[in-house]
Amino acid sequence: MAETTKQTGKSGKRVSVKLPRNAGQNANQDEFFSVNFKNYIIRRGETVEIPEELAEVITNAEKAEEYAMRYADEKAQREPK
């Protein structure tokens, strides 16, 4: 899960974010995001300052991924073997 800390800058609220690194030596460590026609590439494992709305997108994506994994696990437990 991404670590976040809020700060207020001249151009609006900014948030410090550090995405966890992907496992594996050759794993891609860059993550692409697009919010309101603005594109961002965030390097995993490094702390970066991003707009608050981008941090919200990242948080919502993490929640959706957790929900999907939980749903898949529950569905697999209900299916007959």
PDB file of N, CA and C in Angstrom:
ATOM      1  N   MET A   1       0.838  -1.170   0.000  1.00  0.00           N
ATOM      2  CA  MET A   1       0.000   0.000   0.000  1.00  0.00           C
ATOM      3  C   MET A   1       0.893   1.247   0.000  1.00  0.00           C
ATOM      4  N   ALA A   2       0.481   2.263  -0.696  1.00  0.00           N
ATOM      5  CA  ALA A   2       1.262   3.482  -0.800  1.00  0.00           C
ATOM      6  C   ALA A   2       1.275   4.248   0.519  1.00  0.00           C
ATOM      7  N   GLU A   3       2.419   4.787   0.863  1.00  0.00           N
ATOM      8  CA  GLU A   3       2.544   5.646   2.042  1.00  0.00           C
ATOM      9  C   GLU A   3       2.301   7.082   1.585  1.00  0.00           C
ATOM     10  N   THR A   4       1.504   7.845   2.338  1.00  0.00           N
ATOM     11  CA  THR A   4       1.223   9.225   1.948  1.00  0.00           C
ATOM     12  C   THR A   4       1.362  10.180   3.117  1.00  0.00           C
ATOM     13  N   THR A   5       1.803  11.426   2.810  1.00  0.00           N
ATOM     14  CA  THR A   5       1.826  12.522   3.780  1.00  0.00           C
ATOM     15  C   THR A   5       1.392  13.782   3.044  1.00  0.00           C
ATOM     16  N   LYS A   6       0.521  14.573   3.656  1.00  0.00           N
ATOM     17  CA  LYS A   6      -0.007  15.773   2.998  1.00  0.00           C
ATOM     18  C   LYS A   6       0.855  16.994   3.280  1.00  0.00           C
ATOM     19  N   GLN A   7       0.956  17.860   2.254  1.00  0.00           N
ATOM     20  CA  GLN A   7       1.623  19.157   2.364  1.00  0.00           C
ATOM     21  C   GLN A   7       0.862  20.129   1.478  1.00  0.00           C
ATOM     22  N   THR A   8       0.886  21.394   1.819  1.00  0.00           N
ATOM     23  CA  THR A   8       0.248  22.401   0.982  1.00  0.00           C
ATOM     24  C   THR A   8       1.316  23.252   0.324  1.00  0.00           C
ATOM     25  N   GLY A   9       1.262  23.325  -0.992  1.00  0.00           N
ATOM     26  CA  GLY A   9       2.226  24.117  -1.754  1.00  0.00           C
ATOM     27  C   GLY A   9       1.552  25.299  -2.412  1.00  0.00           C
ATOM     28  N   LYS A  10       2.301  26.040  -3.225  1.00  0.00           N
ATOM     29  CA  LYS A  10       1.757  27.223  -3.890  1.00  0.00           C
ATOM     30  C   LYS A  10       0.690  26.858  -4.914  1.00  0.00           C
ATOM     31  N   SER A  11       0.833  25.710  -5.573  1.00  0.00           N
ATOM     32  CA  SER A  11      -0.112  25.334  -6.626  1.00  0.00           C
ATOM     33  C   SER A  11      -1.174  24.355  -6.135  1.00  0.00           C
ATOM     34  N   GLY A  12      -1.474  24.343  -4.852  1.00  0.00           N
ATOM     35  CA  GLY A  12      -2.490  23.449  -4.317  1.00  0.00           C
ATOM     36  C   GLY A  12      -1.874  22.388  -3.428  1.00  0.00           C
ATOM     37  N   LYS A  13      -2.722  21.501  -2.975  1.00  0.00           N
ATOM     38  CA  LYS A  13      -2.262  20.473  -2.044  1.00  0.00           C
ATOM     39  C   LYS A  13      -1.412  19.429  -2.773  1.00  0.00           C
ATOM     40  N   ARG A  14      -0.292  19.101  -2.166  1.00  0.00           N
ATOM     41  CA  ARG A  14       0.617  18.073  -2.681  1.00  0.00           C
ATOM     42  C   ARG A  14       0.731  16.988  -1.623  1.00  0.00           C
ATOM     43  N   VAL A  15       1.015  15.798  -2.074  1.00  0.00           N
ATOM     44  CA  VAL A  15       1.108  14.649  -1.185  1.00  0.00           C
ATOM     45  C   VAL A  15       2.396  13.900  -1.489  1.00  0.00           C
ATOM     46  N   SER A  16       3.108  13.509  -0.445  1.00  0.00           N
ATOM     47  CA  SER A  16       4.285  12.661  -0.621  1.00  0.00           C
ATOM     48  C   SER A  16       3.810  11.215  -0.679  1.00  0.00           C
ATOM     49  N   VAL A  17       4.244  10.511  -1.715  1.00  0.00           N
ATOM     50  CA  VAL A  17       3.811   9.133  -1.912  1.00  0.00           C
ATOM     51  C   VAL A  17       5.022   8.257  -2.180  1.00  0.00           C
ATOM     52  N   LYS A  18       4.985   7.063  -1.627  1.00  0.00           N
ATOM     53  CA  LYS A  18       6.012   6.066  -1.922  1.00  0.00           C
ATOM     54  C   LYS A  18       5.295   4.753  -2.215  1.00  0.00           C
ATOM     55  N   LEU A  19       5.317   4.349  -3.493  1.00  0.00           N
ATOM     56  CA  LEU A  19       4.699   3.092  -3.885  1.00  0.00           C
ATOM     57  C   LEU A  19       5.653   1.946  -3.569  1.00  0.00           C
ATOM     58  N   PRO A  20       5.132   0.823  -3.090  1.00  0.00           N
ATOM     59  CA  PRO A  20       6.016  -0.307  -2.800  1.00  0.00           C
ATOM     60  C   PRO A  20       6.631  -0.858  -4.083  1.00  0.00           C
ATOM     61  N   ARG A  21       7.853  -1.355  -3.968  1.00  0.00           N
ATOM     62  CA  ARG A  21       8.546  -1.924  -5.122  1.00  0.00           C
ATOM     63  C   ARG A  21       7.910  -3.248  -5.522  1.00  0.00           C
ATOM     64  N   ASN A  22       7.959  -3.551  -6.821  1.00  0.00           N
ATOM     65  CA  ASN A  22       7.520  -4.855  -7.314  1.00  0.00           C
ATOM     66  C   ASN A  22       8.595  -5.878  -7.025  1.00  0.00           C
ATOM     67  N   ALA A  23       8.183  -7.097  -6.759  1.00  0.00           N
ATOM     68  CA  ALA A  23       9.137  -8.167  -6.482  1.00  0.00           C
ATOM     69  C   ALA A  23       9.859  -8.572  -7.766  1.00  0.00           C
ATOM     70  N   GLY A  24      11.074  -9.017  -7.617  1.00  0.00           N
ATOM     71  CA  GLY A  24      11.846  -9.494  -8.766  1.00  0.00           C
ATOM     72  C   GLY A  24      12.822  -8.456  -9.263  1.00  0.00           C
ATOM     73  N   GLN A  25      13.979  -8.931  -9.631  1.00  0.00           N
ATOM     74  CA  GLN A  25      15.041  -8.030 -10.062  1.00  0.00           C
ATOM     75  C   GLN A  25      14.709  -7.324 -11.375  1.00  0.00           C
ATOM     76  N   ASN A  26      14.019  -8.023 -12.284  1.00  0.00           N
ATOM     77  CA  ASN A  26      13.705  -7.443 -13.591  1.00  0.00           C
ATOM     78  C   ASN A  26      12.295  -6.878 -13.673  1.00  0.00           C
ATOM     79  N   ALA A  27      11.601  -6.782 -12.550  1.00  0.00           N
ATOM     80  CA  ALA A  27      10.228  -6.269 -12.535  1.00  0.00           C
ATOM     81  C   ALA A  27      10.214  -4.778 -12.866  1.00  0.00           C
ATOM     82  N   ASN A  28       9.186  -4.375 -13.622  1.00  0.00           N
ATOM     83  CA  ASN A  28       9.038  -2.961 -13.979  1.00  0.00           C
ATOM     84  C   ASN A  28       8.734  -2.163 -12.716  1.00  0.00           C
ATOM     85  N   GLN A  29       9.497  -1.130 -12.457  1.00  0.00           N
ATOM     86  CA  GLN A  29       9.320  -0.310 -11.255  1.00  0.00           C
ATOM     87  C   GLN A  29       8.642   1.022 -11.556  1.00  0.00           C
ATOM     88  N   ASP A  30       8.246   1.262 -12.808  1.00  0.00           N
ATOM     89  CA  ASP A  30       7.549   2.489 -13.178  1.00  0.00           C
ATOM     90  C   ASP A  30       6.052   2.226 -13.249  1.00  0.00           C
ATOM     91  N   GLU A  31       5.272   3.151 -12.724  1.00  0.00           N
ATOM     92  CA  GLU A  31       3.817   3.026 -12.729  1.00  0.00           C
ATOM     93  C   GLU A  31       3.239   4.259 -13.422  1.00  0.00           C
ATOM     94  N   PHE A  32       2.353   4.057 -14.403  1.00  0.00           N
ATOM     95  CA  PHE A  32       1.756   5.140 -15.172  1.00  0.00           C
ATOM     96  C   PHE A  32       0.367   5.463 -14.623  1.00  0.00           C
ATOM     97  N   PHE A  33       0.071   6.763 -14.494  1.00  0.00           N
ATOM     98  CA  PHE A  33      -1.249   7.242 -14.077  1.00  0.00           C
ATOM     99  C   PHE A  33      -1.635   8.425 -14.954  1.00  0.00           C
ATOM    100  N   SER A  34      -2.925   8.619 -15.157  1.00  0.00           N
ATOM    101  CA  SER A  34      -3.418   9.774 -15.902  1.00  0.00           C
ATOM    102  C   SER A  34      -4.648  10.312 -15.187  1.00  0.00           C
ATOM    103  N   VAL A  35      -4.624  11.611 -14.862  1.00  0.00           N
ATOM    104  CA  VAL A  35      -5.733  12.266 -14.168  1.00  0.00           C
ATOM    105  C   VAL A  35      -5.991  13.601 -14.848  1.00  0.00           C
ATOM    106  N   ASN A  36      -7.221  13.810 -15.302  1.00  0.00           N
ATOM    107  CA  ASN A  36      -7.613  15.078 -15.936  1.00  0.00           C
ATOM    108  C   ASN A  36      -6.655  15.475 -17.061  1.00  0.00           C
ATOM    109  N   PHE A  37      -6.335  14.513 -17.922  1.00  0.00           N
ATOM    110  CA  PHE A  37      -5.487  14.710 -19.096  1.00  0.00           C
ATOM    111  C   PHE A  37      -4.035  15.047 -18.750  1.00  0.00           C
ATOM    112  N   LYS A  38      -3.647  14.811 -17.514  1.00  0.00           N
ATOM    113  CA  LYS A  38      -2.246  14.981 -17.107  1.00  0.00           C
ATOM    114  C   LYS A  38      -1.683  13.590 -16.828  1.00  0.00           C
ATOM    115  N   ASN A  39      -0.526  13.292 -17.401  1.00  0.00           N
ATOM    116  CA  ASN A  39       0.077  11.976 -17.265  1.00  0.00           C
ATOM    117  C   ASN A  39       1.233  12.009 -16.274  1.00  0.00           C
ATOM    118  N   TYR A  40       1.363  10.933 -15.510  1.00  0.00           N
ATOM    119  CA  TYR A  40       2.407  10.827 -14.497  1.00  0.00           C
ATOM    120  C   TYR A  40       3.045   9.443 -14.583  1.00  0.00           C
ATOM    121  N   ILE A  41       4.329   9.378 -14.401  1.00  0.00           N
ATOM    122  CA  ILE A  41       5.026   8.112 -14.231  1.00  0.00           C
ATOM    123  C   ILE A  41       5.724   8.195 -12.886  1.00  0.00           C
ATOM    124  N   ILE A  42       5.373   7.260 -12.004  1.00  0.00           N
ATOM    125  CA  ILE A  42       5.935   7.245 -10.654  1.00  0.00           C
ATOM    126  C   ILE A  42       6.827   6.026 -10.529  1.00  0.00           C
ATOM    127  N   ARG A  43       8.037   6.231 -10.059  1.00  0.00           N
ATOM    128  CA  ARG A  43       8.985   5.144  -9.845  1.00  0.00           C
ATOM    129  C   ARG A  43       8.700   4.513  -8.492  1.00  0.00           C
ATOM    130  N   ARG A  44       8.470   3.220  -8.496  1.00  0.00           N
ATOM    131  CA  ARG A  44       8.210   2.499  -7.250  1.00  0.00           C
ATOM    132  C   ARG A  44       9.457   2.505  -6.376  1.00  0.00           C
ATOM    133  N   GLY A  45       9.244   2.609  -5.059  1.00  0.00           N
ATOM    134  CA  GLY A  45      10.348   2.590  -4.106  1.00  0.00           C
ATOM    135  C   GLY A  45      10.968   3.946  -3.840  1.00  0.00           C
ATOM    136  N   GLU A  46      10.503   4.996  -4.533  1.00  0.00           N
ATOM    137  CA  GLU A  46      11.020   6.353  -4.329  1.00  0.00           C
ATOM    138  C   GLU A  46       9.887   7.252  -3.838  1.00  0.00           C
ATOM    139  N   THR A  47      10.192   8.157  -2.919  1.00  0.00           N
ATOM    140  CA  THR A  47       9.203   9.110  -2.426  1.00  0.00           C
ATOM    141  C   THR A  47       9.107  10.269  -3.406  1.00  0.00           C
ATOM    142  N   VAL A  48       7.886  10.586  -3.837  1.00  0.00           N
ATOM    143  CA  VAL A  48       7.660  11.675  -4.787  1.00  0.00           C
ATOM    144  C   VAL A  48       6.526  12.559  -4.296  1.00  0.00           C
ATOM    145  N   GLU A  49       6.522  13.805  -4.717  1.00  0.00           N
ATOM    146  CA  GLU A  49       5.458  14.763  -4.417  1.00  0.00           C
ATOM    147  C   GLU A  49       4.496  14.769  -5.594  1.00  0.00           C
ATOM    148  N   ILE A  50       3.205  14.512  -5.322  1.00  0.00           N
ATOM    149  CA  ILE A  50       2.199  14.480  -6.381  1.00  0.00           C
ATOM    150  C   ILE A  50       0.981  15.274  -5.948  1.00  0.00           C
ATOM    151  N   PRO A  51       0.139  15.696  -6.916  1.00  0.00           N
ATOM    152  CA  PRO A  51      -1.096  16.396  -6.553  1.00  0.00           C
ATOM    153  C   PRO A  51      -2.028  15.481  -5.751  1.00  0.00           C
ATOM    154  N   GLU A  52      -2.806  16.082  -4.884  1.00  0.00           N
ATOM    155  CA  GLU A  52      -3.702  15.326  -4.009  1.00  0.00           C
ATOM    156  C   GLU A  52      -4.692  14.472  -4.802  1.00  0.00           C
ATOM    157  N   GLU A  53      -5.176  14.978  -5.955  1.00  0.00           N
ATOM    158  CA  GLU A  53      -6.136  14.205  -6.744  1.00  0.00           C
ATOM    159  C   GLU A  53      -5.510  12.937  -7.315  1.00  0.00           C
ATOM    160  N   LEU A  54      -4.220  12.959  -7.613  1.00  0.00           N
ATOM    161  CA  LEU A  54      -3.538  11.755  -8.081  1.00  0.00           C
ATOM    162  C   LEU A  54      -3.393  10.746  -6.947  1.00  0.00           C
ATOM    163  N   ALA A  55      -3.104  11.226  -5.752  1.00  0.00           N
ATOM    164  CA  ALA A  55      -3.015  10.342  -4.585  1.00  0.00           C
ATOM    165  C   ALA A  55      -4.365   9.665  -4.332  1.00  0.00           C
ATOM    166  N   GLU A  56      -5.450  10.382  -4.554  1.00  0.00           N
ATOM    167  CA  GLU A  56      -6.782   9.804  -4.383  1.00  0.00           C
ATOM    168  C   GLU A  56      -7.021   8.688  -5.398  1.00  0.00           C
ATOM    169  N   VAL A  57      -6.581   8.891  -6.632  1.00  0.00           N
ATOM    170  CA  VAL A  57      -6.718   7.856  -7.661  1.00  0.00           C
ATOM    171  C   VAL A  57      -5.937   6.605  -7.264  1.00  0.00           C
ATOM    172  N   ILE A  58      -4.724   6.786  -6.761  1.00  0.00           N
ATOM    173  CA  ILE A  58      -3.893   5.658  -6.342  1.00  0.00           C
ATOM    174  C   ILE A  58      -4.559   4.909  -5.187  1.00  0.00           C
ATOM    175  N   THR A  59      -5.070   5.643  -4.207  1.00  0.00           N
ATOM    176  CA  THR A  59      -5.739   5.029  -3.064  1.00  0.00           C
ATOM    177  C   THR A  59      -6.971   4.238  -3.511  1.00  0.00           C
ATOM    178  N   ASN A  60      -7.770   4.814  -4.409  1.00  0.00           N
ATOM    179  CA  ASN A  60      -8.965   4.131  -4.895  1.00  0.00           C
ATOM    180  C   ASN A  60      -8.602   2.874  -5.687  1.00  0.00           C
ATOM    181  N   ALA A  61      -7.531   2.939  -6.456  1.00  0.00           N
ATOM    182  CA  ALA A  61      -7.086   1.768  -7.216  1.00  0.00           C
ATOM    183  C   ALA A  61      -6.647   0.649  -6.277  1.00  0.00           C
ATOM    184  N   GLU A  62      -5.941   0.994  -5.212  1.00  0.00           N
ATOM    185  CA  GLU A  62      -5.520  -0.013  -4.235  1.00  0.00           C
ATOM    186  C   GLU A  62      -6.725  -0.655  -3.561  1.00  0.00           C
ATOM    187  N   LYS A  63      -7.727   0.148  -3.213  1.00  0.00           N
ATOM    188  CA  LYS A  63      -8.936  -0.385  -2.583  1.00  0.00           C
ATOM    189  C   LYS A  63      -9.669  -1.327  -3.535  1.00  0.00           C
ATOM    190  N   ALA A  64      -9.759  -0.943  -4.811  1.00  0.00           N
ATOM    191  CA  ALA A  64     -10.435  -1.780  -5.806  1.00  0.00           C
ATOM    192  C   ALA A  64      -9.698  -3.104  -6.001  1.00  0.00           C
ATOM    193  N   GLU A  65      -8.378  -3.059  -6.010  1.00  0.00           N
ATOM    194  CA  GLU A  65      -7.584  -4.278  -6.167  1.00  0.00           C
ATOM    195  C   GLU A  65      -7.777  -5.209  -4.965  1.00  0.00           C
ATOM    196  N   GLU A  66      -7.782  -4.646  -3.764  1.00  0.00           N
ATOM    197  CA  GLU A  66      -8.019  -5.445  -2.559  1.00  0.00           C
ATOM    198  C   GLU A  66      -9.403  -6.078  -2.601  1.00  0.00           C
ATOM    199  N   TYR A  67     -10.416  -5.323  -3.011  1.00  0.00           N
ATOM    200  CA  TYR A  67     -11.770  -5.840  -3.106  1.00  0.00           C
ATOM    201  C   TYR A  67     -11.838  -6.987  -4.112  1.00  0.00           C
ATOM    202  N   ALA A  68     -11.201  -6.816  -5.275  1.00  0.00           N
ATOM    203  CA  ALA A  68     -11.212  -7.849  -6.317  1.00  0.00           C
ATOM    204  C   ALA A  68     -10.538  -9.132  -5.832  1.00  0.00           C
ATOM    205  N   MET A  69      -9.417  -9.012  -5.131  1.00  0.00           N
ATOM    206  CA  MET A  69      -8.731 -10.198  -4.616  1.00  0.00           C
ATOM    207  C   MET A  69      -9.580 -10.906  -3.565  1.00  0.00           C
ATOM    208  N   ARG A  70     -10.218 -10.147  -2.693  1.00  0.00           N
ATOM    209  CA  ARG A  70     -11.083 -10.724  -1.662  1.00  0.00           C
ATOM    210  C   ARG A  70     -12.274 -11.437  -2.299  1.00  0.00           C
ATOM    211  N   TYR A  71     -12.861 -10.826  -3.325  1.00  0.00           N
ATOM    212  CA  TYR A  71     -13.989 -11.422  -4.036  1.00  0.00           C
ATOM    213  C   TYR A  71     -13.567 -12.732  -4.707  1.00  0.00           C
ATOM    214  N   ALA A  72     -12.422 -12.731  -5.373  1.00  0.00           N
ATOM    215  CA  ALA A  72     -11.928 -13.935  -6.048  1.00  0.00           C
ATOM    216  C   ALA A  72     -11.670 -15.051  -5.035  1.00  0.00           C
ATOM    217  N   ASP A  73     -11.100 -14.714  -3.889  1.00  0.00           N
ATOM    218  CA  ASP A  73     -10.853 -15.714  -2.848  1.00  0.00           C
ATOM    219  C   ASP A  73     -12.160 -16.308  -2.326  1.00  0.00           C
ATOM    220  N   GLU A  74     -13.130 -15.459  -2.064  1.00  0.00           N
ATOM    221  CA  GLU A  74     -14.424 -15.930  -1.570  1.00  0.00           C
ATOM    222  C   GLU A  74     -15.138 -16.800  -2.605  1.00  0.00           C
ATOM    223  N   LYS A  75     -15.061 -16.406  -3.870  1.00  0.00           N
ATOM    224  CA  LYS A  75     -15.693 -17.176  -4.938  1.00  0.00           C
ATOM    225  C   LYS A  75     -15.031 -18.540  -5.076  1.00  0.00           C
ATOM    226  N   ALA A  76     -13.717 -18.591  -4.973  1.00  0.00           N
ATOM    227  CA  ALA A  76     -12.987 -19.854  -5.088  1.00  0.00           C
ATOM    228  C   ALA A  76     -13.349 -20.795  -3.934  1.00  0.00           C
ATOM    229  N   GLN A  77     -13.612 -20.251  -2.761  1.00  0.00           N
ATOM    230  CA  GLN A  77     -13.987 -21.077  -1.609  1.00  0.00           C
ATOM    231  C   GLN A  77     -15.396 -21.642  -1.741  1.00  0.00           C
ATOM    232  N   ARG A  78     -16.291 -20.920  -2.429  1.00  0.00           N
ATOM    233  CA  ARG A  78     -17.676 -21.362  -2.595  1.00  0.00           C
ATOM    234  C   ARG A  78     -17.845 -22.420  -3.686  1.00  0.00           C
ATOM    235  N   GLU A  79     -16.939 -22.433  -4.681  1.00  0.00           N
ATOM    236  CA  GLU A  79     -17.071 -23.359  -5.802  1.00  0.00           C
ATOM    237  C   GLU A  79     -16.736 -24.786  -5.361  1.00  0.00           C
ATOM    238  N   PRO A  80     -17.530 -25.756  -5.844  1.00  0.00           N
ATOM    239  CA  PRO A  80     -17.230 -27.151  -5.512  1.00  0.00           C
ATOM    240  C   PRO A  80     -15.954 -27.601  -6.211  1.00  0.00           C
ATOM    241  N   LYS A  81     -15.251 -28.490  -5.535  1.00  0.00           N
ATOM    242  CA  LYS A  81     -13.980 -28.970  -6.090  1.00  0.00           C
ATOM    243  C   LYS A  81     -14.145 -30.296  -6.757  1.00  0.00           C
TER     244      LYS A  81
END
